[in-house]
Each structure stands twice: as C-alpha cells, then as structure tokens.
C-alpha atoms as a PDB file:
ATOM      1  CA  MET A   1      94.743  97.305 139.399  1.00  0.00           C
ATOM      2  CA  GLN A   2      93.582  97.988 135.843  1.00  0.00           C
ATOM      3  CA  ALA A   3      90.530  97.445 134.571  1.00  0.00           C
ATOM      4  CA  PRO A   4      91.114  95.199 131.641  1.00  0.00           C
ATOM      5  CA  PRO A   5      90.488  97.241 127.756  1.00  0.00           C
ATOM      6  CA  SER A   6      86.841  97.169 126.322  1.00  0.00           C
ATOM      7  CA  ALA A   7      86.249  95.256 123.212  1.00  0.00           C
ATOM      8  CA  PRO A   8      86.595  97.380 120.073  1.00  0.00           C
ATOM      9  CA  GLY A   9      83.531  99.103 118.995  1.00  0.00           C
ATOM     10  CA  HIS A  10      82.149  99.494 122.541  1.00  0.00           C
ATOM     11  CA  ALA A  11      82.580 102.355 125.113  1.00  0.00           C
ATOM     12  CA  ALA A  12      83.649 101.423 128.468  1.00  0.00           C
ATOM     13  CA  PRO A  13      80.982 100.725 131.017  1.00  0.00           C
ATOM     14  CA  PRO A  14      80.208 103.785 133.449  1.00  0.00           C
ATOM     15  CA  ALA A  15      81.585 103.704 136.719  1.00  0.00           C
ATOM     16  CA  GLY A  16      79.267 101.957 139.044  1.00  0.00           C
ATOM     17  CA  ALA A  17      77.819  99.912 136.471  1.00  0.00           C
ATOM     18  CA  ALA A  18      76.674  96.263 137.680  1.00  0.00           C
ATOM     19  CA  PRO A  19      79.043  93.694 136.334  1.00  0.00           C
ATOM     20  CA  GLY A  20      76.516  92.233 133.982  1.00  0.00           C
ATOM     21  CA  ASP A  21      75.286  95.368 132.118  1.00  0.00           C
ATOM     22  CA  ALA A  22      76.677  95.262 128.794  1.00  0.00           C
ATOM     23  CA  PRO A  23      78.436  98.718 127.397  1.00  0.00           C
ATOM     24  CA  GLY A  24      76.492 100.693 124.529  1.00  0.00           C
ATOM     25  CA  PRO A  25      77.855 100.593 121.204  1.00  0.00           C
ATOM     26  CA  ASP A  26      80.509 103.168 120.236  1.00  0.00           C
ATOM     27  CA  PRO A  27      79.275 105.961 117.786  1.00  0.00           C
ATOM     28  CA  GLY A  28      82.822 106.440 116.672  1.00  0.00           C
ATOM     29  CA  ALA A  29      82.839 102.875 115.666  1.00  0.00           C
ATOM     30  CA  ASP A  30      79.968 103.472 113.560  1.00  0.00           C
ATOM     31  CA  ARG A  31      81.633 106.297 111.661  1.00  0.00           C
ATOM     32  CA  HIS A  32      84.724 103.907 111.053  1.00  0.00           C
ATOM     33  CA  ARG A  33      82.517 101.289 109.583  1.00  0.00           C
ATOM     34  CA  GLY A  34      80.913 103.455 107.391  1.00  0.00           C
ATOM     35  CA  ARG A  35      84.311 104.854 106.166  1.00  0.00           C
ATOM     36  CA  GLN A  36      85.785 101.631 105.671  1.00  0.00           C
ATOM     37  CA  LEU A  37      82.519 100.701 103.371  1.00  0.00           C
ATOM     38  CA  GLN A  38      83.178 103.982 101.481  1.00  0.00           C
ATOM     39  CA  ASP A  39      86.850 103.182 100.834  1.00  0.00           C
ATOM     40  CA  ARG A  40      86.147  99.632  99.704  1.00  0.00           C
ATOM     41  CA  ALA A  41      83.575 101.067  97.528  1.00  0.00           C
ATOM     42  CA  LEU A  42      86.427 103.293  95.853  1.00  0.00           C
ATOM     43  CA  VAL A  43      88.577 100.377  95.317  1.00  0.00           C
ATOM     44  CA  LEU A  44      86.423  98.111  93.762  1.00  0.00           C
ATOM     45  CA  PRO A  45      86.145  99.472  90.508  1.00  0.00           C
ATOM     46  CA  LEU A  46      90.132  99.756  90.606  1.00  0.00           C
ATOM     47  CA  VAL A  47      90.359  95.967  91.272  1.00  0.00           C
ATOM     48  CA  ALA A  48      87.783  95.548  88.368  1.00  0.00           C
ATOM     49  CA  VAL A  49      89.913  97.165  86.007  1.00  0.00           C
ATOM     50  CA  PHE A  50      92.862  95.573  87.022  1.00  0.00           C
ATOM     51  CA  LEU A  51      91.281  91.791  86.938  1.00  0.00           C
ATOM     52  CA  PHE A  52      89.828  92.705  83.210  1.00  0.00           C
ATOM     53  CA  MET A  53      92.867  94.123  81.969  1.00  0.00           C
ATOM     54  CA  PRO A  54      94.681  92.126  79.113  1.00  0.00           C
ATOM     55  CA  PRO A  55      97.846  90.787  81.265  1.00  0.00           C
ATOM     56  CA  ALA A  56      95.300  89.236  83.665  1.00  0.00           C
ATOM     57  CA  ILE A  57      92.952  87.894  81.056  1.00  0.00           C
ATOM     58  CA  ARG A  58      95.921  86.380  78.863  1.00  0.00           C
ATOM     59  CA  LEU A  59      96.541  84.291  81.738  1.00  0.00           C
ATOM     60  CA  PHE A  60      93.410  82.140  81.044  1.00  0.00           C
ATOM     61  CA  ALA A  61      93.510  82.645  77.342  1.00  0.00           C
ATOM     62  CA  GLY A  62      94.086  79.371  75.624  1.00  0.00           C
ATOM     63  CA  PRO A  63      92.609  76.018  74.817  1.00  0.00           C
ATOM     64  CA  GLN A  64      91.918  74.555  78.158  1.00  0.00           C
ATOM     65  CA  THR A  65      88.298  74.023  79.239  1.00  0.00           C
ATOM     66  CA  LEU A  66      86.817  73.076  82.478  1.00  0.00           C
ATOM     67  CA  LEU A  67      83.483  71.093  82.342  1.00  0.00           C
ATOM     68  CA  GLY A  68      83.349  71.785  78.818  1.00  0.00           C
ATOM     69  CA  LEU A  69      83.900  75.694  78.819  1.00  0.00           C
ATOM     70  CA  PRO A  70      86.738  77.818  77.683  1.00  0.00           C
ATOM     71  CA  VAL A  71      88.665  78.722  81.046  1.00  0.00           C
ATOM     72  CA  ILE A  72      88.706  82.545  79.755  1.00  0.00           C
ATOM     73  CA  VAL A  73      84.861  82.302  79.458  1.00  0.00           C
ATOM     74  CA  LEU A  74      84.563  81.029  83.109  1.00  0.00           C
ATOM     75  CA  TYR A  75      87.306  83.413  84.275  1.00  0.00           C
ATOM     76  CA  VAL A  76      85.219  86.454  82.957  1.00  0.00           C
ATOM     77  CA  PHE A  77      81.944  85.767  84.216  1.00  0.00           C
ATOM     78  CA  GLY A  78      83.208  84.383  87.419  1.00  0.00           C
ATOM     79  CA  VAL A  79      84.829  87.692  88.103  1.00  0.00           C
ATOM     80  CA  TRP A  80      81.873  89.786  86.904  1.00  0.00           C
ATOM     81  CA  ALA A  81      79.805  87.759  89.169  1.00  0.00           C
ATOM     82  CA  LEU A  82      81.892  88.239  92.250  1.00  0.00           C
ATOM     83  CA  LEU A  83      82.388  91.981  91.403  1.00  0.00           C
ATOM     84  CA  VAL A  84      78.566  92.038  91.360  1.00  0.00           C
ATOM     85  CA  LEU A  85      78.228  90.299  94.629  1.00  0.00           C
ATOM     86  CA  CYS A  86      80.686  92.584  95.932  1.00  0.00           C
ATOM     87  CA  ALA A  87      79.021  95.729  94.854  1.00  0.00           C
ATOM     88  CA  PHE A  88      75.300  94.571  96.203  1.00  0.00           C
ATOM     89  CA  ARG A  89      77.004  93.898  99.435  1.00  0.00           C
ATOM     90  CA  LEU A  90      78.985  97.076  99.572  1.00  0.00           C
ATOM     91  CA  SER A  91      75.695  99.213  98.517  1.00  0.00           C
ATOM     92  CA  ARG A  92      73.663  97.340 101.455  1.00  0.00           C
ATOM     93  CA  GLY A  93      76.219  98.274 103.800  1.00  0.00           C
ATOM     94  CA  LEU A  94      76.360 102.189 102.512  1.00  0.00           C
ATOM     95  CA  ALA A  95      72.575 102.332 102.417  1.00  0.00           C
ATOM     96  CA  ARG A  96      72.327 101.250 106.271  1.00  0.00           C
ATOM     97  CA  GLY A  97      74.726 103.838 107.127  1.00  0.00           C
ATOM     98  CA  GLY A  98      77.729 101.772 107.818  1.00  0.00           C
ATOM     99  CA  GLU A  99      76.246  98.831 109.875  1.00  0.00           C
ATOM    100  CA  ALA A 100      77.580  95.482 109.408  1.00  0.00           C
ATOM    101  CA  PRO A 101      75.984  93.383 106.464  1.00  0.00           C
END
C-alpha cells in the first residue's frame, strides 16, 4: 500500500514520525518561489509597455466619460496604479527572499 503524496512545498515526513507531526518546509520550494517572483518582476515592465502602447490606449480614446472623467484618463491612471501595486508586492516578496507576501 502506497502512502499519499505529500503536499507541494513540503517534504515527506521521515520514517517513524508520529501521525500528528507536520513535515517541515521544502527548501526547494522556497527557491522555486523566489525564481517565480524574479520571473514576474522581469515580465512586469513588458506588460506595462504593452498596456501603454498606442493601440491599447486608442481603445479608450474618445469622448466617453465615467463619473465625469474621460475614460482614457481613468485607464492611464488605473493601469499606472495597478503597476505600482504589483511592483510593490513583487519588491516585498523579493526582499524576503521568495517568501509568500
């Protein structure tokens, strides 16, 4: 009879461990998480460039307003705020060495 696989990010319990003992964190998972954050930090500026390119901005250019503000202004500042928030969260995760934010 096979034991169920361990949860991702955790090492299998050692042989003879009590059933209530929780396995320790897997150091490989921390490295993987750090690498994921680095990859996301690399992609974020590329996403920003794409979102601020004229074809994307032209989708919102026009006389439409929302709450009395032109839609293009809301788009530009909304995307900017979202990018700043994403960069902040990524920088915190990278400063912690890949831990979950």
